[in-house]
Amino acid sequence: MFDSGMKGGMVRQAYRRMQITICLAASLAGCTRAPVALRPQLGGPRRPAVAATFRVADASLPTPLVFVAYGDTRFTDAGETAASSPSARRALVAKIAAERPAAIFINGDLPYHGIAADYAVYRAETKIWRDKQIPVYPALGNHEFSACLASICLDRWWNAFPQVRGRRWYSVALGQRVVGIALDSDAPLLPGSEQQTWLQTQVTSLDPAVRVVLIVMHHPPVADVQTVKLVDHNARPNEQALADYLKVAAAHSAARFIVSAGHIHNYERLSQDGVTYLVSGGGGATPYDIDRTSTDLYQSTDFPNYHYVRFELHGDRVVGEMIRLDDHDAAKPKQWQSRDRFEITLQP
């Protein structure tokens, strides 16, 4: 399911390419010397392909390829109903399992706190995913670092997802045409940072067959700007730097870029500089009411928006759907609606 044997080779290749090394211990636990590359020239000669951290062969994938992204589940004790809705998150888990996606990407804030008990709830409530052998690819959120020392919190996340141990960001190739990239918005994404340098290397060396790049992260780079509600959840400079980079990268790539973030417990869809930006924070955490701006392509007044986003890959397009839990107040909710649908045309 995961191909982790290439890690050492990737590091050696990276060090050979790097002309500058600098310690960025704050960006990656355990780092003592972290490579920083010179800023890549997107319009210049193509770099040799760099292997994704994990790979799933085309032969192992269904046709059409279906994958899911969502976040802000806040798995925790069922007695805690203010911070998270146990009935909503369990309904979402069961509905996603029924989709039998090739992959589930989590936008962060998987646990309510970074404590062992909350990860135990995650394992118990998502047993059906393991039974169906559905791989889960998580991104770190701020709640992963709640209620414990950062190093201890991080170790618990790695215990829950041992495949990514030692990494706070990574990539996964779903066949030849789709690459998922999990970023850590708790670490620097600014130009020259270790994480953005790594991302640049991944993007500038994409296999020519790749047509969709899904970036999952917690804090959104682009979202409805709030002036009254949740102003502390507006996009931060750290993530805005990523949007600045993607503006340039998207213009020089045959792939289409989709960013799925969370942190805001609602749903939003925006398009900026050729990149589709989703806020998908409806995994079960306390819903947040927002003021939608005119740039938001989703203008429904539905609330709350417990949901997930389903992607389906076809030859010339990828189709996205926001699947919303309709009867969220029911003891055992089971009514669903497709409340947003969008298509992104792909290059031949």
Protein backbone atom coordinates (compact mmCIF):
# COMPACT_ATOMS: atom_id res chain seq x y z
CA MET A 1 0.00 0.00 0.00
CA PHE A 2 2.85 2.35 0.88
CA ASP A 3 6.26 2.41 -0.77
CA SER A 4 8.66 3.84 1.80
CA GLY A 5 11.87 2.12 0.73
CA MET A 6 12.95 5.04 -1.44
CA LYS A 7 13.36 7.55 1.38
CA GLY A 8 17.12 7.19 1.70
CA GLY A 9 17.62 7.51 -2.03
CA MET A 10 15.51 10.65 -2.16
CA VAL A 11 17.57 12.26 0.58
CA ARG A 12 20.85 11.40 -1.12
CA GLN A 13 19.57 12.76 -4.44
CA ALA A 14 18.35 15.92 -2.76
CA TYR A 15 21.70 16.53 -1.08
CA ARG A 16 23.53 16.11 -4.38
CA ARG A 17 21.28 18.73 -5.98
CA MET A 18 21.41 21.22 -3.16
CA GLN A 19 23.95 23.99 -3.19
CA ILE A 20 23.13 25.39 0.22
CA THR A 21 22.36 23.59 3.48
CA ILE A 22 20.96 25.20 6.57
CA CYS A 23 19.50 23.87 9.80
CA LEU A 24 15.74 24.41 10.08
CA ALA A 25 15.09 22.41 13.21
CA ALA A 26 11.89 24.30 13.89
CA SER A 27 10.38 23.01 10.65
CA LEU A 28 10.98 19.30 11.09
CA ALA A 29 11.35 17.39 14.32
CA GLY A 30 14.73 15.76 14.59
CA CYS A 31 16.28 17.80 11.81
CA THR A 32 19.90 18.76 12.30
CA ARG A 33 20.88 19.68 8.74
CA ALA A 34 18.10 20.42 6.29
CA PRO A 35 18.71 21.07 2.58
CA VAL A 36 17.55 24.32 1.03
CA ALA A 37 17.65 24.59 -2.75
CA LEU A 38 18.08 27.66 -4.84
CA ARG A 39 14.71 28.91 -6.11
CA PRO A 40 13.80 26.78 -9.14
CA GLN A 41 13.33 28.41 -12.51
CA LEU A 42 9.91 27.19 -13.56
CA GLY A 43 10.39 28.21 -17.15
CA GLY A 44 13.78 26.52 -17.49
CA PRO A 45 14.79 22.98 -18.38
CA ARG A 46 12.73 20.25 -16.76
CA ARG A 47 14.29 18.47 -13.82
CA PRO A 48 14.47 14.68 -13.79
CA ALA A 49 11.38 13.17 -12.17
CA VAL A 50 11.56 12.87 -8.39
CA ALA A 51 9.70 9.88 -7.02
CA ALA A 52 6.70 10.52 -4.80
CA THR A 53 7.13 9.46 -1.18
CA PHE A 54 4.49 6.77 -1.66
CA ARG A 55 3.13 5.19 -4.83
CA VAL A 56 0.06 3.20 -5.78
CA ALA A 57 0.29 1.43 -9.13
CA ASP A 58 -2.39 2.00 -11.75
CA ALA A 59 -3.12 -1.72 -11.74
CA SER A 60 -4.18 -1.45 -8.08
CA LEU A 61 -6.60 1.43 -8.68
CA PRO A 62 -10.27 1.33 -9.71
CA THR A 63 -11.67 2.85 -12.88
CA PRO A 64 -12.84 5.52 -12.59
CA LEU A 65 -10.43 6.60 -9.89
CA VAL A 66 -12.29 7.97 -6.84
CA PHE A 67 -10.63 9.71 -3.89
CA VAL A 68 -11.93 11.77 -0.98
CA ALA A 69 -10.71 14.82 0.94
CA TYR A 70 -12.09 16.38 4.10
CA GLY A 71 -10.96 17.45 7.56
CA ASP A 72 -11.62 18.77 11.06
CA THR A 73 -13.03 15.51 12.32
CA ARG A 74 -11.87 16.04 15.92
CA PHE A 75 -12.15 12.41 16.95
CA THR A 76 -12.62 12.35 20.71
CA ASP A 77 -14.70 10.78 23.46
CA ALA A 78 -18.36 10.46 22.49
CA GLY A 79 -19.31 12.36 25.61
CA GLU A 80 -17.72 15.49 24.16
CA THR A 81 -20.50 16.89 21.96
CA ALA A 82 -19.66 20.60 22.03
CA ALA A 83 -16.31 20.35 20.25
CA SER A 84 -17.33 17.56 17.87
CA SER A 85 -20.48 15.71 16.82
CA PRO A 86 -20.00 11.96 17.31
CA SER A 87 -23.07 11.13 15.20
CA ALA A 88 -21.96 13.35 12.29
CA ARG A 89 -18.38 12.12 12.16
CA ARG A 90 -19.49 8.47 12.41
CA ALA A 91 -22.01 8.98 9.62
CA LEU A 92 -19.28 10.55 7.48
CA VAL A 93 -16.89 7.67 8.15
CA ALA A 94 -19.54 5.11 7.14
CA LYS A 95 -20.59 7.05 4.02
CA ILE A 96 -16.99 7.48 2.87
CA ALA A 97 -16.36 3.76 3.43
CA ALA A 98 -19.35 3.00 1.20
CA GLU A 99 -17.70 5.04 -1.57
CA ARG A 100 -14.71 2.65 -1.42
CA PRO A 101 -12.32 5.41 -2.52
CA ALA A 102 -8.78 4.65 -3.55
CA ALA A 103 -7.56 7.11 -0.90
CA ILE A 104 -8.82 9.33 1.90
CA PHE A 105 -6.96 12.61 2.43
CA ILE A 106 -7.43 14.31 5.80
CA ASN A 107 -6.96 18.09 5.96
CA GLY A 108 -5.79 18.11 9.58
CA ASP A 109 -7.34 18.35 13.05
CA LEU A 110 -8.03 14.63 13.00
CA PRO A 111 -8.04 14.42 16.83
CA TYR A 112 -9.58 16.99 19.18
CA HIS A 113 -6.36 16.91 21.19
CA GLY A 114 -3.05 15.22 20.45
CA ILE A 115 -3.62 12.69 23.22
CA ALA A 116 -3.54 8.91 23.05
CA ALA A 117 -7.23 8.60 24.00
CA ASP A 118 -8.36 10.64 20.98
CA TYR A 119 -6.28 8.55 18.59
CA ALA A 120 -7.84 5.45 20.17
CA VAL A 121 -11.28 6.86 19.30
CA TYR A 122 -10.08 7.49 15.75
CA ARG A 123 -8.93 3.88 15.41
CA ALA A 124 -12.19 2.55 16.83
CA GLU A 125 -14.51 4.73 14.75
CA THR A 126 -12.62 4.19 11.48
CA LYS A 127 -12.21 0.43 11.78
CA ILE A 128 -14.39 0.04 8.69
CA TRP A 129 -11.76 1.88 6.64
CA ARG A 130 -9.11 -0.62 7.65
CA ASP A 131 -11.50 -3.51 7.07
CA LYS A 132 -12.01 -2.25 3.52
CA GLN A 133 -8.25 -1.56 3.15
CA ILE A 134 -8.78 2.11 2.30
CA PRO A 135 -5.50 4.02 2.74
CA VAL A 136 -5.59 7.27 4.73
CA TYR A 137 -3.18 10.13 4.04
CA PRO A 138 -3.33 12.80 6.78
CA ALA A 139 -1.98 16.33 7.00
CA LEU A 140 -1.06 17.90 10.31
CA GLY A 141 -3.39 20.47 11.88
CA ASN A 142 -3.11 22.64 14.97
CA HIS A 143 -5.18 20.27 17.12
CA GLU A 144 -2.64 17.50 16.57
CA PHE A 145 -0.39 19.67 18.74
CA SER A 146 -2.99 20.41 21.44
CA ALA A 147 -2.70 19.32 25.09
CA CYS A 148 0.83 17.88 24.87
CA LEU A 149 4.40 18.88 24.15
CA ALA A 150 5.00 19.23 20.42
CA SER A 151 7.48 16.34 20.28
CA ILE A 152 5.10 14.04 22.16
CA CYS A 153 2.12 15.12 20.06
CA LEU A 154 4.05 14.49 16.87
CA ASP A 155 5.14 11.06 18.05
CA ARG A 156 1.52 10.13 18.72
CA TRP A 157 0.56 11.21 15.20
CA TRP A 158 3.36 9.07 13.82
CA ASN A 159 2.20 6.16 16.00
CA ALA A 160 -1.25 6.49 14.44
CA PHE A 161 0.25 6.71 10.93
CA PRO A 162 3.56 4.80 11.09
CA GLN A 163 3.97 4.92 7.31
CA VAL A 164 4.83 8.64 7.53
CA ARG A 165 7.08 8.41 10.59
CA GLY A 166 9.88 10.93 10.34
CA ARG A 167 7.96 13.14 7.91
CA ARG A 168 5.71 16.13 8.41
CA TRP A 169 5.04 16.51 4.69
CA TYR A 170 5.06 13.94 1.91
CA SER A 171 3.55 13.00 -1.46
CA VAL A 172 1.64 10.05 -2.86
CA ALA A 173 1.21 9.12 -6.52
CA LEU A 174 -2.16 7.53 -7.26
CA GLY A 175 -1.23 5.92 -10.53
CA GLN A 176 0.38 8.01 -13.25
CA ARG A 177 -2.10 10.91 -13.41
CA VAL A 178 -2.79 12.00 -9.82
CA VAL A 179 -0.38 13.17 -7.13
CA GLY A 180 -1.50 14.05 -3.62
CA ILE A 181 0.74 16.27 -1.48
CA ALA A 182 0.23 16.62 2.27
CA LEU A 183 1.72 19.81 3.70
CA ASP A 184 2.22 20.99 7.26
CA SER A 185 0.87 24.52 7.78
CA ASP A 186 2.20 24.48 11.35
CA ALA A 187 5.68 24.71 9.80
CA PRO A 188 7.06 27.46 7.53
CA LEU A 189 5.82 27.60 3.93
CA LEU A 190 7.58 30.87 3.13
CA PRO A 191 10.04 31.20 0.24
CA GLY A 192 13.35 29.58 1.14
CA SER A 193 11.82 27.38 3.84
CA GLU A 194 12.63 23.71 3.81
CA GLN A 195 9.02 22.79 3.12
CA GLN A 196 8.48 25.14 0.18
CA THR A 197 11.82 24.10 -1.30
CA TRP A 198 10.76 20.45 -1.06
CA LEU A 199 7.40 21.32 -2.65
CA GLN A 200 9.10 23.18 -5.49
CA THR A 201 11.22 20.12 -6.22
CA GLN A 202 8.15 17.91 -6.27
CA VAL A 203 6.22 20.25 -8.60
CA THR A 204 9.00 21.10 -11.05
CA SER A 205 9.84 17.42 -11.48
CA LEU A 206 6.32 16.01 -11.85
CA ASP A 207 6.04 13.10 -14.23
CA PRO A 208 4.78 14.42 -17.60
CA ALA A 209 1.71 12.16 -17.28
CA VAL A 210 0.46 13.85 -14.08
CA ARG A 211 -2.71 15.87 -14.66
CA VAL A 212 -4.04 16.47 -11.14
CA VAL A 213 -2.13 17.66 -8.08
CA LEU A 214 -4.19 17.65 -4.88
CA ILE A 215 -2.57 19.58 -2.04
CA VAL A 216 -4.03 18.87 1.40
CA MET A 217 -3.22 21.06 4.37
CA HIS A 218 -4.91 22.54 7.40
CA HIS A 219 -4.79 26.35 7.31
CA PRO A 220 -6.28 27.68 4.05
CA PRO A 221 -4.20 29.83 1.68
CA VAL A 222 -7.36 31.29 0.12
CA ALA A 223 -10.79 31.58 1.76
CA ASP A 224 -13.69 33.97 2.26
CA VAL A 225 -12.25 36.99 4.06
CA GLN A 226 -14.11 37.53 7.32
CA THR A 227 -14.56 41.01 8.77
CA VAL A 228 -16.95 40.17 11.62
CA LYS A 229 -16.97 36.43 12.27
CA LEU A 230 -13.87 34.28 12.73
CA VAL A 231 -11.46 37.01 11.72
CA ASP A 232 -8.70 35.02 13.42
CA HIS A 233 -9.26 32.27 10.84
CA ASN A 234 -8.47 34.44 7.81
CA ALA A 235 -5.59 33.33 5.60
CA ARG A 236 -2.19 33.95 7.18
CA PRO A 237 1.03 35.11 5.47
CA ASN A 238 2.49 31.62 5.82
CA GLU A 239 -0.22 30.06 3.64
CA GLN A 240 -0.58 33.10 1.38
CA ALA A 241 3.05 32.49 0.41
CA LEU A 242 1.97 29.09 -0.87
CA ALA A 243 -0.75 30.71 -2.99
CA ASP A 244 1.88 33.07 -4.44
CA TYR A 245 4.03 30.09 -5.38
CA LEU A 246 1.13 28.13 -6.90
CA LYS A 247 0.19 31.11 -9.06
CA VAL A 248 3.53 30.72 -10.83
CA ALA A 249 3.65 26.93 -10.71
CA ALA A 250 0.16 26.46 -12.19
CA ALA A 251 1.03 28.67 -15.14
CA HIS A 252 3.97 26.42 -16.05
CA SER A 253 2.49 22.99 -15.44
CA ALA A 254 0.39 20.57 -17.48
CA ALA A 255 -1.29 19.54 -14.23
CA ARG A 256 -4.26 21.23 -12.60
CA PHE A 257 -3.86 22.15 -8.95
CA ILE A 258 -6.48 21.71 -6.25
CA VAL A 259 -5.88 22.79 -2.64
CA SER A 260 -8.08 21.23 0.05
CA ALA A 261 -7.71 22.90 3.44
CA GLY A 262 -9.69 22.94 6.66
CA HIS A 263 -9.53 24.98 9.90
CA ILE A 264 -12.79 26.73 8.99
CA HIS A 265 -15.56 24.29 9.90
CA ASN A 266 -17.63 24.86 6.79
CA TYR A 267 -17.33 24.50 3.02
CA GLU A 268 -16.03 27.02 0.50
CA ARG A 269 -14.88 26.84 -3.12
CA LEU A 270 -12.83 29.55 -4.75
CA SER A 271 -10.74 29.83 -7.91
CA GLN A 272 -7.63 31.99 -8.01
CA ASP A 273 -4.83 32.15 -10.57
CA GLY A 274 -5.87 28.87 -12.18
CA VAL A 275 -5.92 26.99 -8.85
CA THR A 276 -9.06 25.59 -7.19
CA TYR A 277 -9.12 26.30 -3.46
CA LEU A 278 -11.47 24.32 -1.24
CA VAL A 279 -12.24 24.75 2.43
CA SER A 280 -13.43 21.35 3.61
CA GLY A 281 -13.65 21.52 7.38
CA GLY A 282 -16.94 19.73 7.88
CA GLY A 283 -15.71 16.44 9.30
CA GLY A 284 -17.51 16.67 12.62
CA ALA A 285 -15.98 19.59 14.53
CA THR A 286 -18.18 22.42 15.85
CA PRO A 287 -19.65 24.12 12.75
CA TYR A 288 -18.59 27.70 12.01
CA ASP A 289 -20.99 30.16 10.45
CA ILE A 290 -19.29 32.43 7.91
CA ASP A 291 -20.03 35.41 5.68
CA ARG A 292 -19.61 34.33 2.07
CA THR A 293 -17.91 36.76 -0.28
CA SER A 294 -18.80 37.23 -3.93
CA THR A 295 -15.72 35.25 -4.97
CA ASP A 296 -17.00 32.09 -3.27
CA LEU A 297 -18.37 29.78 -5.96
CA TYR A 298 -20.57 28.08 -3.35
CA GLN A 299 -23.31 30.47 -2.26
CA SER A 300 -25.76 28.20 -0.46
CA THR A 301 -27.08 29.32 2.93
CA ASP A 302 -27.17 25.71 4.23
CA PHE A 303 -25.83 25.38 7.76
CA PRO A 304 -24.19 23.41 9.23
CA ASN A 305 -22.16 21.81 6.46
CA TYR A 306 -20.95 18.45 7.71
CA HIS A 307 -19.54 17.02 4.50
CA TYR A 308 -16.73 15.46 2.49
CA VAL A 309 -15.48 16.12 -1.05
CA ARG A 310 -15.51 13.30 -3.54
CA PHE A 311 -13.26 13.41 -6.61
CA GLU A 312 -13.68 11.21 -9.67
CA LEU A 313 -11.08 11.13 -12.43
CA HIS A 314 -12.10 10.74 -16.06
CA GLY A 315 -10.04 10.95 -19.22
CA ASP A 316 -10.44 14.67 -19.86
CA ARG A 317 -11.65 15.99 -16.53
CA VAL A 318 -11.81 15.56 -12.77
CA VAL A 319 -15.23 15.95 -11.16
CA GLY A 320 -15.58 17.18 -7.60
CA GLU A 321 -18.70 16.91 -5.44
CA MET A 322 -19.42 18.19 -1.96
CA ILE A 323 -21.51 15.49 -0.29
CA ARG A 324 -23.44 17.04 2.61
CA LEU A 325 -25.05 15.34 5.59
CA ASP A 326 -28.65 16.55 5.50
CA ASP A 327 -30.26 15.13 8.66
CA HIS A 328 -27.40 16.00 11.01
CA ASP A 329 -29.78 16.36 13.99
CA ALA A 330 -30.96 12.75 13.76
CA ALA A 331 -29.71 10.21 16.29
CA LYS A 332 -28.39 8.13 13.39
CA PRO A 333 -28.14 10.53 10.43
CA LYS A 334 -28.21 8.93 7.00
CA GLN A 335 -29.62 11.46 4.54
CA TRP A 336 -27.13 12.86 2.04
CA GLN A 337 -27.16 15.51 -0.66
CA SER A 338 -24.75 16.47 -3.42
CA ARG A 339 -24.71 20.23 -2.74
CA ASP A 340 -21.84 21.38 -4.94
CA ARG A 341 -20.48 19.90 -8.14
CA PHE A 342 -17.62 21.18 -10.27
CA GLU A 343 -15.55 19.95 -13.19
CA ILE A 344 -11.94 20.77 -13.96
CA THR A 345 -10.87 20.21 -17.55
CA LEU A 346 -7.55 18.43 -17.95
CA GLN A 347 -4.97 18.68 -20.70
CA PRO A 348 -4.87 15.71 -23.11
